[in-house]
Amino acid sequence: MSATLTRGPGRRVLFYLGLTALAALFVVPVIWMVITSFKTDPEATLTPPTVLKNPSTQAYDAIAAAGAQFPVLRWFLNSLISAFAHTALVLATAAPAAYALARMEFRGKRIAFGLIVGTLFIPPVILLAPNYLVVSRLGWLDSLAAMIVPPAASAFGVFFLRQFFLGLPRELEEAAVLDGANRFQVFTKIVLPNAKPALATLAVLSLLTNWNEFLWPVFVLFNPEHLTLGPGLALLQSSQTTHYPLIMAGGVVAAVPILALFVFSQRYIIEGIARSGIKG
């Protein structure tokens, strides 16, 4: 008995030490990014590196005063518009498709679901050329529409929500039908309100994906005023010198909204993932 009690607390200590080390692995780079953003250029390149000798807001002042060549605040606004519009479109298309695949019976349902899931195994880089041609034909090049619409066909969103809908009790929908509700009313007034955790999870994942997108906007956005944060921040690094505080300040501007969003929505994310088990 004593050996068991001794071994139990020891394992618990090791477990929490492991969690602490794992947390530090992710948190320390973020903290260092914030610290570097408040350094001057000479201090940022010192060897060995210093924590923070002379705090300076030069990098943030440069971002706020950036001109037409590096309009960081404009890139930030473009990213906000693109990410939120893209997320809304993903939810508006994935939710009805997922509900149809989870609850409705129609010819070719299994084939359609198999094709949707099959697209998850296609490397996104393969779709760059065909998507570019489609966007070009539609006249969306160098506009935020190219960032919002093409990636909104979310196979993962359909798969994820379908798994969640399969776990909802059918009795709720049957009771609504007995009360005179049609299929659309069941979907909007019964299914969607009960699927808030899954919808919130998909919304955060979609927003994060669009916010961090780099390769696709490089192909379709050309004017500096139309860039999003991903390719825009890459322009802050010149060919001759690297202004580390300026780059890190840009990274802070890009990271803070996403971190804040995750903090406020983590409860829904955990619940949505926990309740979206893999079901046939």
Protein backbone atom coordinates (compact mmCIF):
# COMPACT_ATOMS: atom_id res chain seq x y z
CA MET A 1 0.00 0.00 0.00
CA SER A 2 2.79 2.42 0.95
CA ALA A 3 4.61 1.72 -2.32
CA THR A 4 1.43 2.50 -4.27
CA LEU A 5 0.92 5.77 -2.40
CA THR A 6 4.55 6.71 -2.98
CA ARG A 7 4.41 5.86 -6.66
CA GLY A 8 1.13 7.77 -7.18
CA PRO A 9 2.34 11.26 -6.08
CA GLY A 10 5.62 10.74 -7.91
CA ARG A 11 3.84 10.05 -11.17
CA ARG A 12 1.62 13.07 -10.59
CA VAL A 13 4.64 15.30 -10.11
CA LEU A 14 6.22 13.98 -13.31
CA PHE A 15 2.94 14.49 -15.13
CA TYR A 16 2.71 18.15 -14.10
CA LEU A 17 6.40 18.71 -14.85
CA GLY A 18 5.79 17.35 -18.34
CA LEU A 19 2.78 19.65 -18.80
CA THR A 20 4.84 22.61 -17.59
CA ALA A 21 7.64 21.81 -20.03
CA LEU A 22 5.16 21.41 -22.88
CA ALA A 23 3.48 24.72 -22.00
CA ALA A 24 6.87 26.45 -21.87
CA LEU A 25 7.70 25.04 -25.30
CA PHE A 26 4.77 26.98 -26.76
CA VAL A 27 4.70 30.04 -24.48
CA VAL A 28 8.39 31.00 -24.34
CA PRO A 29 8.66 31.82 -28.11
CA VAL A 30 5.56 34.04 -27.81
CA ILE A 31 7.01 35.84 -24.78
CA TRP A 32 10.34 36.29 -26.59
CA MET A 33 8.52 37.70 -29.62
CA VAL A 34 6.80 40.29 -27.42
CA ILE A 35 10.06 41.19 -25.65
CA THR A 36 11.96 41.57 -28.92
CA SER A 37 9.24 43.83 -30.32
CA PHE A 38 10.09 46.36 -27.57
CA LYS A 39 13.84 46.35 -28.28
CA THR A 40 15.89 48.63 -30.49
CA ASP A 41 17.61 47.24 -33.58
CA PRO A 42 21.11 47.17 -31.96
CA GLU A 43 19.84 45.44 -28.82
CA ALA A 44 17.89 42.85 -30.82
CA THR A 45 21.13 41.65 -32.46
CA LEU A 46 23.31 41.50 -29.34
CA THR A 47 25.22 38.28 -28.58
CA PRO A 48 24.46 36.85 -26.10
CA PRO A 49 20.87 38.07 -26.25
CA THR A 50 19.50 40.29 -23.49
CA VAL A 51 16.03 40.17 -21.98
CA LEU A 52 15.21 43.88 -22.21
CA LYS A 53 17.67 46.65 -21.32
CA ASN A 54 16.10 49.75 -22.86
CA PRO A 55 12.40 49.27 -23.69
CA SER A 56 11.39 51.07 -26.84
CA THR A 57 8.16 51.43 -28.83
CA GLN A 58 9.98 52.33 -32.05
CA ALA A 59 8.73 49.21 -33.84
CA TYR A 60 5.10 49.91 -32.98
CA ASP A 61 5.50 53.58 -33.87
CA ALA A 62 6.87 52.50 -37.26
CA ILE A 63 3.88 50.21 -37.79
CA ALA A 64 1.41 52.97 -36.86
CA ALA A 65 3.18 55.45 -39.15
CA ALA A 66 3.76 53.02 -42.02
CA GLY A 67 3.10 54.54 -45.40
CA ALA A 68 1.78 53.15 -48.65
CA GLN A 69 4.69 50.72 -48.98
CA PHE A 70 4.03 48.90 -45.67
CA PRO A 71 0.44 49.66 -44.57
CA VAL A 72 0.39 47.17 -41.68
CA LEU A 73 -2.85 48.46 -40.21
CA ARG A 74 -4.48 48.13 -43.63
CA TRP A 75 -3.21 44.55 -43.86
CA PHE A 76 -4.67 43.91 -40.42
CA LEU A 77 -8.08 45.24 -41.52
CA ASN A 78 -7.95 43.17 -44.72
CA SER A 79 -7.18 40.05 -42.68
CA LEU A 80 -10.11 40.76 -40.35
CA ILE A 81 -12.54 41.21 -43.23
CA SER A 82 -11.26 38.16 -45.08
CA ALA A 83 -11.17 35.86 -42.04
CA PHE A 84 -14.63 36.73 -40.70
CA ALA A 85 -16.32 36.74 -44.11
CA HIS A 86 -14.65 33.43 -44.98
CA THR A 87 -15.74 31.91 -41.65
CA ALA A 88 -19.34 33.02 -42.13
CA LEU A 89 -19.40 31.51 -45.62
CA VAL A 90 -17.89 28.22 -44.37
CA LEU A 91 -20.60 27.90 -41.71
CA ALA A 92 -23.37 28.86 -44.15
CA THR A 93 -22.33 26.15 -46.64
CA ALA A 94 -20.94 23.37 -44.42
CA ALA A 95 -23.83 23.21 -41.94
CA PRO A 96 -26.66 22.49 -44.46
CA ALA A 97 -24.48 20.03 -46.38
CA ALA A 98 -23.48 18.21 -43.19
CA TYR A 99 -27.10 18.02 -42.00
CA ALA A 100 -28.24 16.58 -45.33
CA LEU A 101 -25.52 13.91 -45.17
CA ALA A 102 -26.31 13.10 -41.54
CA ARG A 103 -30.11 13.01 -41.56
CA MET A 104 -31.55 12.97 -45.08
CA GLU A 105 -31.73 9.96 -47.39
CA PHE A 106 -31.11 10.44 -51.10
CA ARG A 107 -29.52 8.53 -53.97
CA GLY A 108 -25.75 8.76 -54.07
CA LYS A 109 -25.45 9.95 -50.47
CA ARG A 110 -22.58 7.61 -49.55
CA ILE A 111 -20.75 8.36 -52.80
CA ALA A 112 -21.09 12.11 -52.21
CA PHE A 113 -19.80 11.78 -48.67
CA GLY A 114 -16.91 9.61 -49.84
CA LEU A 115 -15.92 12.15 -52.48
CA ILE A 116 -16.05 14.99 -49.95
CA VAL A 117 -13.88 13.10 -47.47
CA GLY A 118 -11.56 12.05 -50.32
CA THR A 119 -10.75 15.70 -51.07
CA LEU A 120 -9.19 15.95 -47.61
CA PHE A 121 -6.33 13.78 -48.88
CA ILE A 122 -5.52 16.08 -51.80
CA PRO A 123 -2.54 18.38 -51.05
CA PRO A 124 -3.82 21.99 -51.19
CA VAL A 125 -0.88 23.05 -53.38
CA ILE A 126 -2.29 20.93 -56.23
CA LEU A 127 -5.38 23.15 -56.31
CA LEU A 128 -3.46 26.42 -56.65
CA ALA A 129 -3.43 26.48 -60.46
CA PRO A 130 -7.10 25.53 -61.06
CA ASN A 131 -8.29 27.87 -58.30
CA TYR A 132 -6.19 30.67 -59.79
CA LEU A 133 -7.77 30.14 -63.21
CA VAL A 134 -11.28 30.18 -61.72
CA VAL A 135 -10.58 33.36 -59.75
CA SER A 136 -9.04 34.98 -62.83
CA ARG A 137 -12.07 34.14 -65.00
CA LEU A 138 -14.38 35.61 -62.34
CA GLY A 139 -12.35 38.83 -62.21
CA TRP A 140 -11.48 38.44 -58.53
CA LEU A 141 -7.70 38.73 -58.81
CA ASP A 142 -6.21 41.31 -56.43
CA SER A 143 -9.39 41.45 -54.34
CA LEU A 144 -10.48 40.02 -51.01
CA ALA A 145 -13.12 37.94 -52.79
CA ALA A 146 -10.27 35.66 -53.90
CA MET A 147 -9.39 35.13 -50.24
CA ILE A 148 -12.95 34.61 -49.04
CA VAL A 149 -14.82 32.47 -51.56
CA PRO A 150 -12.58 29.71 -53.02
CA PRO A 151 -11.36 28.31 -49.65
CA ALA A 152 -14.92 28.34 -48.27
CA ALA A 153 -15.71 24.94 -49.82
CA SER A 154 -14.65 23.21 -46.61
CA ALA A 155 -14.64 19.42 -46.85
CA PHE A 156 -13.35 19.26 -43.29
CA GLY A 157 -16.24 21.47 -42.12
CA VAL A 158 -18.80 19.16 -43.72
CA PHE A 159 -17.15 16.07 -42.24
CA PHE A 160 -16.76 17.63 -38.79
CA LEU A 161 -20.34 18.90 -38.51
CA ARG A 162 -21.77 15.66 -39.91
CA GLN A 163 -20.09 13.72 -37.12
CA PHE A 164 -21.59 16.10 -34.59
CA PHE A 165 -25.08 15.97 -36.09
CA LEU A 166 -24.98 12.17 -35.97
CA GLY A 167 -24.55 12.40 -32.22
CA LEU A 168 -27.62 14.58 -31.65
CA PRO A 169 -30.70 12.69 -30.36
CA ARG A 170 -33.18 12.07 -33.15
CA GLU A 171 -35.99 12.41 -30.61
CA LEU A 172 -35.53 16.18 -30.56
CA GLU A 173 -36.15 16.41 -34.29
CA GLU A 174 -39.01 13.90 -34.23
CA ALA A 175 -40.74 15.89 -31.49
CA ALA A 176 -40.44 19.06 -33.56
CA VAL A 177 -41.90 17.29 -36.60
CA LEU A 178 -44.86 16.10 -34.50
CA ASP A 179 -45.41 19.72 -33.49
CA GLY A 180 -45.71 20.66 -37.17
CA ALA A 181 -42.19 21.85 -37.97
CA ASN A 182 -40.86 21.29 -41.47
CA ARG A 183 -37.32 20.16 -42.31
CA PHE A 184 -35.93 23.70 -42.55
CA GLN A 185 -37.46 24.70 -39.21
CA VAL A 186 -36.05 21.59 -37.57
CA PHE A 187 -32.62 22.46 -38.92
CA THR A 188 -32.66 26.14 -37.92
CA LYS A 189 -34.54 25.96 -34.62
CA ILE A 190 -33.55 22.56 -33.22
CA VAL A 191 -30.31 21.34 -34.79
CA LEU A 192 -28.29 24.56 -35.06
CA PRO A 193 -28.97 25.79 -31.50
CA ASN A 194 -27.84 22.41 -30.16
CA ALA A 195 -24.76 22.46 -32.37
CA LYS A 196 -23.27 25.69 -31.00
CA PRO A 197 -20.09 24.00 -29.66
CA ALA A 198 -19.35 22.38 -33.03
CA LEU A 199 -20.17 25.56 -34.94
CA ALA A 200 -17.94 27.60 -32.64
CA THR A 201 -15.11 25.10 -33.08
CA LEU A 202 -15.41 25.13 -36.87
CA ALA A 203 -15.63 28.94 -36.85
CA VAL A 204 -12.39 29.29 -34.88
CA LEU A 205 -10.54 26.74 -37.01
CA SER A 206 -11.74 28.36 -40.25
CA LEU A 207 -10.86 31.85 -39.05
CA LEU A 208 -7.42 30.69 -37.93
CA THR A 209 -6.75 28.98 -41.26
CA ASN A 210 -7.70 32.04 -43.28
CA TRP A 211 -5.84 34.40 -40.95
CA ASN A 212 -2.60 32.44 -41.28
CA GLU A 213 -2.86 31.84 -45.03
CA PHE A 214 0.33 32.78 -46.84
CA LEU A 215 0.78 30.95 -50.14
CA TRP A 216 -2.64 31.61 -51.70
CA PRO A 217 -2.66 35.41 -51.13
CA VAL A 218 0.84 35.61 -52.63
CA PHE A 219 -0.67 34.22 -55.85
CA VAL A 220 -3.82 36.36 -56.04
CA LEU A 221 -3.04 39.65 -54.25
CA PHE A 222 -0.65 42.14 -55.86
CA ASN A 223 -1.32 45.68 -54.64
CA PRO A 224 0.27 46.39 -51.20
CA GLU A 225 -3.03 47.97 -50.12
CA HIS A 226 -4.87 44.69 -50.78
CA LEU A 227 -2.49 42.32 -48.97
CA THR A 228 -3.35 40.44 -45.81
CA LEU A 229 -1.04 40.10 -42.81
CA GLY A 230 0.65 36.87 -43.91
CA PRO A 231 2.35 38.04 -47.12
CA GLY A 232 2.35 41.64 -45.94
CA LEU A 233 4.55 41.03 -42.91
CA ALA A 234 7.04 39.19 -45.12
CA LEU A 235 7.69 42.52 -46.87
CA LEU A 236 8.98 44.03 -43.63
CA GLN A 237 12.22 42.08 -44.09
CA SER A 238 14.43 43.87 -46.59
CA SER A 239 17.07 42.22 -48.75
CA GLN A 240 19.99 44.03 -47.04
CA THR A 241 19.00 44.19 -43.36
CA THR A 242 16.54 42.52 -41.03
CA HIS A 243 14.70 44.73 -38.54
CA TYR A 244 13.88 42.14 -35.91
CA PRO A 245 11.85 44.42 -33.59
CA LEU A 246 9.70 45.55 -36.51
CA ILE A 247 9.08 41.97 -37.67
CA MET A 248 8.29 40.83 -34.12
CA ALA A 249 5.93 43.77 -33.62
CA GLY A 250 4.12 42.72 -36.76
CA GLY A 251 3.97 39.19 -35.38
CA VAL A 252 2.42 40.49 -32.15
CA VAL A 253 -0.19 42.41 -34.13
CA ALA A 254 -1.02 39.23 -36.04
CA ALA A 255 -1.01 36.90 -33.03
CA VAL A 256 -2.86 38.84 -30.33
CA PRO A 257 -6.36 38.70 -31.93
CA ILE A 258 -6.09 34.95 -32.52
CA LEU A 259 -4.84 34.28 -28.99
CA ALA A 260 -7.64 36.38 -27.53
CA LEU A 261 -10.20 34.58 -29.68
CA PHE A 262 -8.95 31.19 -28.53
CA VAL A 263 -9.00 32.21 -24.85
CA PHE A 264 -12.63 33.29 -25.08
CA SER A 265 -13.78 30.33 -27.18
CA GLN A 266 -11.69 27.44 -25.79
CA ARG A 267 -14.64 26.07 -23.78
CA TYR A 268 -16.71 25.68 -26.95
CA ILE A 269 -13.76 24.22 -28.85
CA ILE A 270 -13.10 21.54 -26.25
CA GLU A 271 -16.80 20.68 -25.99
CA GLY A 272 -17.24 20.61 -29.77
CA ILE A 273 -14.28 18.31 -30.33
CA ALA A 274 -15.27 16.05 -27.42
CA ARG A 275 -18.81 15.62 -28.73
CA SER A 276 -17.81 15.12 -32.38
CA GLY A 277 -16.63 11.54 -32.05
CA ILE A 278 -16.04 9.42 -35.11
CA LYS A 279 -19.34 7.75 -35.94
CA GLY A 280 -20.42 5.88 -39.01
